[in-house]
Amino acid sequence: MKIKICGLSREEDIVMANSFQPDFIGFVFYPPSKRYVTPERAVWLKALLDEKIKVVGVFVNAEVGFIQKLCEEGVIDMIQLHGDEDLDYINRLKEVTEKPIIKGVRVKSAEEILNAAKLPCAYLLLDTYRPGVYGGSGRVFDHRIIPPITKPYFLAGGLNGENMGKAAKNCQPFALDVSSGCERNGFKDEMKFMGVVALAKLL
């Protein structure tokens, strides 16, 4: 099972990624997030990262030009849209970059997932819904809501070393997405980081 570790923001986080080799890591370009990184810091962190690991840029209702610039500069390899981006927005983004797009869905219903699956994105990311919060809730949603879909998806929302196995078995996602589940006191923890990546590779 592929795994994405999201919310890396420190040099120590990159050292962990290089050591334990998740398939993807995420940089959050959303200023209200406690895991926010500036474009300048992302450039520095990307330079330290093993080139085999794909970098996902996480955005919430960002200007298309801002995303385009990060793509053109080689800072990110994939784009995760985690706000209220619609069909028109995604089409405008696809006009300026060929980077794969992941559309985040804060899950409230199966119908919502089915509608998102029709969007012209490469992947979905299914996350927990909390009013007024764009992801990063640290809470699991009811995976039974997920309908059969052919579009590959990342499964997020409160995943950790204790519940990843059950989630992977029940949902069969393309990849698991972990953030707070490998943190201690708000920062990535080496033992937890190692544990979730190792477990994902066994699933």
C-alpha atoms as a PDB file:
ATOM      1  CA  MET A   1       0.000   0.000   0.000  1.00  0.00           C
ATOM      2  CA  LYS A   2       1.334   3.426  -0.933  1.00  0.00           C
ATOM      3  CA  ILE A   3       1.605   6.065   1.778  1.00  0.00           C
ATOM      4  CA  LYS A   4       1.741   9.842   1.919  1.00  0.00           C
ATOM      5  CA  ILE A   5       3.042  11.647   4.972  1.00  0.00           C
ATOM      6  CA  CYS A   6       1.567  15.124   4.958  1.00  0.00           C
ATOM      7  CA  GLY A   7       2.540  18.337   6.691  1.00  0.00           C
ATOM      8  CA  LEU A   8       6.342  18.185   6.622  1.00  0.00           C
ATOM      9  CA  SER A   9       7.817  21.542   7.578  1.00  0.00           C
ATOM     10  CA  ARG A  10      11.235  21.020   9.199  1.00  0.00           C
ATOM     11  CA  GLU A  11      14.622  19.731   8.144  1.00  0.00           C
ATOM     12  CA  GLU A  12      14.179  16.913  10.673  1.00  0.00           C
ATOM     13  CA  ASP A  13      11.008  15.846   8.844  1.00  0.00           C
ATOM     14  CA  ILE A  14      12.917  15.548   5.575  1.00  0.00           C
ATOM     15  CA  VAL A  15      15.609  13.448   7.284  1.00  0.00           C
ATOM     16  CA  MET A  16      12.850  11.077   8.453  1.00  0.00           C
ATOM     17  CA  ALA A  17      11.369  10.907   4.952  1.00  0.00           C
ATOM     18  CA  ASN A  18      14.756  10.132   3.419  1.00  0.00           C
ATOM     19  CA  SER A  19      15.326   7.416   6.015  1.00  0.00           C
ATOM     20  CA  PHE A  20      11.933   5.683   5.838  1.00  0.00           C
ATOM     21  CA  GLN A  21      10.924   6.387   2.217  1.00  0.00           C
ATOM     22  CA  PRO A  22       7.202   7.121   2.041  1.00  0.00           C
ATOM     23  CA  ASP A  23       5.896   7.252  -1.529  1.00  0.00           C
ATOM     24  CA  PHE A  24       4.701  10.845  -1.151  1.00  0.00           C
ATOM     25  CA  ILE A  25       5.193  13.742   1.246  1.00  0.00           C
ATOM     26  CA  GLY A  26       3.021  16.835   1.497  1.00  0.00           C
ATOM     27  CA  PHE A  27       3.885  20.518   1.873  1.00  0.00           C
ATOM     28  CA  VAL A  28       0.934  22.593   3.066  1.00  0.00           C
ATOM     29  CA  PHE A  29       0.705  25.993   1.350  1.00  0.00           C
ATOM     30  CA  TYR A  30      -2.275  27.186   3.408  1.00  0.00           C
ATOM     31  CA  PRO A  31      -1.258  29.932   5.865  1.00  0.00           C
ATOM     32  CA  PRO A  32      -3.881  29.177   8.579  1.00  0.00           C
ATOM     33  CA  SER A  33      -2.513  25.635   8.929  1.00  0.00           C
ATOM     34  CA  LYS A  34      -0.079  24.946  11.763  1.00  0.00           C
ATOM     35  CA  ARG A  35       1.901  22.914   9.208  1.00  0.00           C
ATOM     36  CA  TYR A  36       2.144  25.796   6.711  1.00  0.00           C
ATOM     37  CA  VAL A  37       5.371  26.253   4.775  1.00  0.00           C
ATOM     38  CA  THR A  38       6.302  29.270   2.682  1.00  0.00           C
ATOM     39  CA  PRO A  39       7.292  28.714  -0.949  1.00  0.00           C
ATOM     40  CA  GLU A  40      10.865  29.694  -0.042  1.00  0.00           C
ATOM     41  CA  ARG A  41      11.032  27.112   2.732  1.00  0.00           C
ATOM     42  CA  ALA A  42       9.523  24.483   0.455  1.00  0.00           C
ATOM     43  CA  VAL A  43      12.270  25.101  -2.112  1.00  0.00           C
ATOM     44  CA  TRP A  44      14.887  24.558   0.600  1.00  0.00           C
ATOM     45  CA  LEU A  45      13.213  21.417   1.957  1.00  0.00           C
ATOM     46  CA  LYS A  46      12.689  19.940  -1.529  1.00  0.00           C
ATOM     47  CA  ALA A  47      16.423  20.328  -2.225  1.00  0.00           C
ATOM     48  CA  LEU A  48      17.136  18.121   0.809  1.00  0.00           C
ATOM     49  CA  LEU A  49      14.604  15.443  -0.144  1.00  0.00           C
ATOM     50  CA  ASP A  50      15.412  12.150  -1.863  1.00  0.00           C
ATOM     51  CA  GLU A  51      14.315  12.639  -5.461  1.00  0.00           C
ATOM     52  CA  LYS A  52      12.515   9.276  -5.463  1.00  0.00           C
ATOM     53  CA  ILE A  53       9.885  10.704  -3.093  1.00  0.00           C
ATOM     54  CA  LYS A  54       7.072  12.653  -4.776  1.00  0.00           C
ATOM     55  CA  VAL A  55       6.133  16.033  -3.309  1.00  0.00           C
ATOM     56  CA  VAL A  56       2.446  16.931  -3.102  1.00  0.00           C
ATOM     57  CA  GLY A  57       1.582  20.607  -2.702  1.00  0.00           C
ATOM     58  CA  VAL A  58      -1.561  21.094  -0.601  1.00  0.00           C
ATOM     59  CA  PHE A  59      -3.654  24.169  -1.440  1.00  0.00           C
ATOM     60  CA  VAL A  60      -6.932  25.660  -0.228  1.00  0.00           C
ATOM     61  CA  ASN A  61      -8.642  28.002  -2.706  1.00  0.00           C
ATOM     62  CA  ALA A  62      -5.263  29.300  -3.904  1.00  0.00           C
ATOM     63  CA  GLU A  63      -4.651  31.469  -6.949  1.00  0.00           C
ATOM     64  CA  VAL A  64      -4.026  29.303 -10.016  1.00  0.00           C
ATOM     65  CA  GLY A  65      -0.918  31.370 -10.823  1.00  0.00           C
ATOM     66  CA  PHE A  66       0.563  30.611  -7.413  1.00  0.00           C
ATOM     67  CA  ILE A  67       0.253  26.868  -8.009  1.00  0.00           C
ATOM     68  CA  GLN A  68       1.522  27.215 -11.559  1.00  0.00           C
ATOM     69  CA  LYS A  69       4.704  28.923 -10.341  1.00  0.00           C
ATOM     70  CA  LEU A  70       5.487  26.173  -7.823  1.00  0.00           C
ATOM     71  CA  CYS A  71       4.986  23.559 -10.549  1.00  0.00           C
ATOM     72  CA  GLU A  72       7.181  25.373 -13.039  1.00  0.00           C
ATOM     73  CA  GLU A  73       9.942  25.788 -10.462  1.00  0.00           C
ATOM     74  CA  GLY A  74       9.913  22.061  -9.739  1.00  0.00           C
ATOM     75  CA  VAL A  75       8.986  22.515  -6.079  1.00  0.00           C
ATOM     76  CA  ILE A  76       6.019  20.123  -6.284  1.00  0.00           C
ATOM     77  CA  ASP A  77       5.265  17.016  -8.332  1.00  0.00           C
ATOM     78  CA  MET A  78       1.516  16.774  -7.647  1.00  0.00           C
ATOM     79  CA  ILE A  79      -1.252  19.197  -6.695  1.00  0.00           C
ATOM     80  CA  GLN A  80      -3.755  18.569  -3.896  1.00  0.00           C
ATOM     81  CA  LEU A  81      -6.779  20.868  -3.889  1.00  0.00           C
ATOM     82  CA  HIS A  82      -8.331  20.814  -0.455  1.00  0.00           C
ATOM     83  CA  GLY A  83     -10.756  23.714  -0.584  1.00  0.00           C
ATOM     84  CA  ASP A  84     -13.858  24.583  -2.593  1.00  0.00           C
ATOM     85  CA  GLU A  85     -12.244  24.245  -6.017  1.00  0.00           C
ATOM     86  CA  ASP A  86     -14.785  23.352  -8.736  1.00  0.00           C
ATOM     87  CA  LEU A  87     -14.780  22.084 -12.312  1.00  0.00           C
ATOM     88  CA  ASP A  88     -13.940  25.494 -13.766  1.00  0.00           C
ATOM     89  CA  TYR A  89     -11.013  25.931 -11.378  1.00  0.00           C
ATOM     90  CA  ILE A  90      -9.593  22.494 -12.177  1.00  0.00           C
ATOM     91  CA  ASN A  91      -9.902  23.118 -15.921  1.00  0.00           C
ATOM     92  CA  ARG A  92      -8.070  26.448 -15.580  1.00  0.00           C
ATOM     93  CA  LEU A  93      -5.336  24.716 -13.598  1.00  0.00           C
ATOM     94  CA  LYS A  94      -5.003  21.966 -16.206  1.00  0.00           C
ATOM     95  CA  GLU A  95      -4.458  24.625 -18.871  1.00  0.00           C
ATOM     96  CA  VAL A  96      -1.255  25.792 -17.172  1.00  0.00           C
ATOM     97  CA  THR A  97       0.229  22.559 -15.785  1.00  0.00           C
ATOM     98  CA  GLU A  98       0.280  18.847 -16.540  1.00  0.00           C
ATOM     99  CA  LYS A  99       1.046  17.885 -12.939  1.00  0.00           C
ATOM    100  CA  PRO A 100      -1.398  15.283 -11.537  1.00  0.00           C
ATOM    101  CA  ILE A 101      -4.251  16.803  -9.543  1.00  0.00           C
ATOM    102  CA  ILE A 102      -5.711  15.315  -6.361  1.00  0.00           C
ATOM    103  CA  LYS A 103      -9.106  16.722  -5.344  1.00  0.00           C
ATOM    104  CA  GLY A 104      -9.787  16.598  -1.627  1.00  0.00           C
ATOM    105  CA  VAL A 105     -13.307  15.767  -0.455  1.00  0.00           C
ATOM    106  CA  ARG A 106     -14.383  16.430   3.106  1.00  0.00           C
ATOM    107  CA  VAL A 107     -16.799  13.543   3.204  1.00  0.00           C
ATOM    108  CA  LYS A 108     -20.418  14.107   4.168  1.00  0.00           C
ATOM    109  CA  SER A 109     -22.165  11.673   1.817  1.00  0.00           C
ATOM    110  CA  ALA A 110     -21.632   9.011  -0.816  1.00  0.00           C
ATOM    111  CA  GLU A 111     -23.240  11.304  -3.402  1.00  0.00           C
ATOM    112  CA  GLU A 112     -20.602  13.937  -2.726  1.00  0.00           C
ATOM    113  CA  ILE A 113     -17.838  11.404  -3.449  1.00  0.00           C
ATOM    114  CA  LEU A 114     -19.558  10.212  -6.638  1.00  0.00           C
ATOM    115  CA  ASN A 115     -19.870  13.798  -7.878  1.00  0.00           C
ATOM    116  CA  ALA A 116     -16.200  14.514  -7.119  1.00  0.00           C
ATOM    117  CA  ALA A 117     -15.191  11.361  -8.987  1.00  0.00           C
ATOM    118  CA  LYS A 118     -16.584  12.942 -12.182  1.00  0.00           C
ATOM    119  CA  LEU A 119     -14.123  15.846 -11.956  1.00  0.00           C
ATOM    120  CA  PRO A 120     -11.138  15.852 -14.370  1.00  0.00           C
ATOM    121  CA  CYS A 121      -8.572  15.067 -11.682  1.00  0.00           C
ATOM    122  CA  ALA A 122      -6.235  12.093 -11.453  1.00  0.00           C
ATOM    123  CA  TYR A 123      -7.104  11.207  -7.859  1.00  0.00           C
ATOM    124  CA  LEU A 124      -9.461  12.002  -5.013  1.00  0.00           C
ATOM    125  CA  LEU A 125      -8.489  12.391  -1.376  1.00  0.00           C
ATOM    126  CA  LEU A 126     -11.198  11.471   1.094  1.00  0.00           C
ATOM    127  CA  ASP A 127     -10.954  13.269   4.421  1.00  0.00           C
ATOM    128  CA  THR A 128     -13.065  13.885   7.509  1.00  0.00           C
ATOM    129  CA  TYR A 129     -15.606  16.700   7.384  1.00  0.00           C
ATOM    130  CA  ARG A 130     -15.596  19.276  10.144  1.00  0.00           C
ATOM    131  CA  PRO A 131     -17.488  22.570   9.712  1.00  0.00           C
ATOM    132  CA  GLY A 132     -15.151  25.422   8.847  1.00  0.00           C
ATOM    133  CA  VAL A 133     -12.033  23.231   8.842  1.00  0.00           C
ATOM    134  CA  TYR A 134     -10.161  22.346   5.640  1.00  0.00           C
ATOM    135  CA  GLY A 135      -8.635  19.004   6.636  1.00  0.00           C
ATOM    136  CA  GLY A 136      -6.157  18.188   9.350  1.00  0.00           C
ATOM    137  CA  SER A 137      -8.896  17.236  11.794  1.00  0.00           C
ATOM    138  CA  GLY A 138      -7.128  14.175  13.162  1.00  0.00           C
ATOM    139  CA  ARG A 139     -10.473  12.382  13.214  1.00  0.00           C
ATOM    140  CA  VAL A 140     -11.643   9.281  11.335  1.00  0.00           C
ATOM    141  CA  PHE A 141     -14.857   9.366   9.292  1.00  0.00           C
ATOM    142  CA  ASP A 142     -17.227   6.456   8.670  1.00  0.00           C
ATOM    143  CA  HIS A 143     -15.531   4.589   5.821  1.00  0.00           C
ATOM    144  CA  ARG A 144     -18.771   2.733   5.110  1.00  0.00           C
ATOM    145  CA  ILE A 145     -19.949   5.920   3.376  1.00  0.00           C
ATOM    146  CA  ILE A 146     -17.453   5.410   0.539  1.00  0.00           C
ATOM    147  CA  PRO A 147     -19.278   4.112  -2.558  1.00  0.00           C
ATOM    148  CA  PRO A 148     -17.660   1.949  -5.254  1.00  0.00           C
ATOM    149  CA  ILE A 149     -15.636   4.306  -7.472  1.00  0.00           C
ATOM    150  CA  THR A 150     -13.107   3.635 -10.204  1.00  0.00           C
ATOM    151  CA  LYS A 151     -11.063   6.794  -9.639  1.00  0.00           C
ATOM    152  CA  PRO A 152      -8.092   6.005  -7.364  1.00  0.00           C
ATOM    153  CA  TYR A 153      -8.106   7.822  -4.037  1.00  0.00           C
ATOM    154  CA  PHE A 154      -5.983   8.693  -1.045  1.00  0.00           C
ATOM    155  CA  LEU A 155      -7.652   7.883   2.274  1.00  0.00           C
ATOM    156  CA  ALA A 156      -7.063  10.489   4.998  1.00  0.00           C
ATOM    157  CA  GLY A 157      -8.608  11.523   8.295  1.00  0.00           C
ATOM    158  CA  GLY A 158      -7.209  10.416  11.633  1.00  0.00           C
ATOM    159  CA  LEU A 159      -5.180   7.465  10.325  1.00  0.00           C
ATOM    160  CA  ASN A 160      -2.384   6.084  12.502  1.00  0.00           C
ATOM    161  CA  GLY A 161      -0.484   2.897  13.218  1.00  0.00           C
ATOM    162  CA  GLU A 162      -3.446   1.427  15.088  1.00  0.00           C
ATOM    163  CA  ASN A 163      -6.205   1.856  12.502  1.00  0.00           C
ATOM    164  CA  MET A 164      -4.394   1.906   9.140  1.00  0.00           C
ATOM    165  CA  GLY A 165      -4.570  -1.844   8.626  1.00  0.00           C
ATOM    166  CA  LYS A 166      -8.331  -2.040   9.062  1.00  0.00           C
ATOM    167  CA  ALA A 167      -8.856   1.042   6.868  1.00  0.00           C
ATOM    168  CA  ALA A 168      -6.697  -0.368   4.073  1.00  0.00           C
ATOM    169  CA  LYS A 169      -8.474  -3.723   4.183  1.00  0.00           C
ATOM    170  CA  ASN A 170     -11.986  -2.275   4.247  1.00  0.00           C
ATOM    171  CA  CYS A 171     -11.514   0.523   1.704  1.00  0.00           C
ATOM    172  CA  GLN A 172      -8.742  -0.604  -0.666  1.00  0.00           C
ATOM    173  CA  PRO A 173      -7.548   2.959  -1.375  1.00  0.00           C
ATOM    174  CA  PHE A 174      -4.729   3.858  -3.767  1.00  0.00           C
ATOM    175  CA  ALA A 175      -2.773   5.276  -0.826  1.00  0.00           C
ATOM    176  CA  LEU A 176      -3.069   6.105   2.855  1.00  0.00           C
ATOM    177  CA  ASP A 177      -2.496   9.704   3.976  1.00  0.00           C
ATOM    178  CA  VAL A 178      -1.124  10.270   7.476  1.00  0.00           C
ATOM    179  CA  SER A 179      -0.292  13.535   9.219  1.00  0.00           C
ATOM    180  CA  SER A 180      -1.161  13.893  12.905  1.00  0.00           C
ATOM    181  CA  GLY A 181      -1.025  10.088  13.196  1.00  0.00           C
ATOM    182  CA  CYS A 182       2.768  10.203  13.085  1.00  0.00           C
ATOM    183  CA  GLU A 183       3.181  13.241  15.339  1.00  0.00           C
ATOM    184  CA  ARG A 184       3.920  13.780  19.000  1.00  0.00           C
ATOM    185  CA  ASN A 185       3.163  17.175  20.554  1.00  0.00           C
ATOM    186  CA  GLY A 186       2.394  18.596  17.117  1.00  0.00           C
ATOM    187  CA  PHE A 187       5.622  17.550  15.395  1.00  0.00           C
ATOM    188  CA  LYS A 188       6.577  14.541  13.298  1.00  0.00           C
ATOM    189  CA  ASP A 189       7.916  11.793  15.573  1.00  0.00           C
ATOM    190  CA  GLU A 190      10.648   9.523  14.266  1.00  0.00           C
ATOM    191  CA  MET A 191       9.320   6.274  15.746  1.00  0.00           C
ATOM    192  CA  LYS A 192       5.741   6.944  14.643  1.00  0.00           C
ATOM    193  CA  PHE A 193       6.910   8.055  11.192  1.00  0.00           C
ATOM    194  CA  MET A 194       8.940   4.882  10.794  1.00  0.00           C
ATOM    195  CA  GLY A 195       6.071   2.757  12.088  1.00  0.00           C
ATOM    196  CA  VAL A 196       3.331   4.004   9.771  1.00  0.00           C
ATOM    197  CA  VAL A 197       5.530   3.834   6.665  1.00  0.00           C
ATOM    198  CA  ALA A 198       6.717   0.308   7.519  1.00  0.00           C
ATOM    199  CA  LEU A 199       3.150  -0.818   8.190  1.00  0.00           C
ATOM    200  CA  ALA A 200       1.855   0.652   4.928  1.00  0.00           C
ATOM    201  CA  LYS A 201       4.479  -1.269   2.984  1.00  0.00           C
ATOM    202  CA  LEU A 202       3.239  -4.504   4.552  1.00  0.00           C
ATOM    203  CA  LEU A 203      -0.408  -3.902   3.682  1.00  0.00           C
END
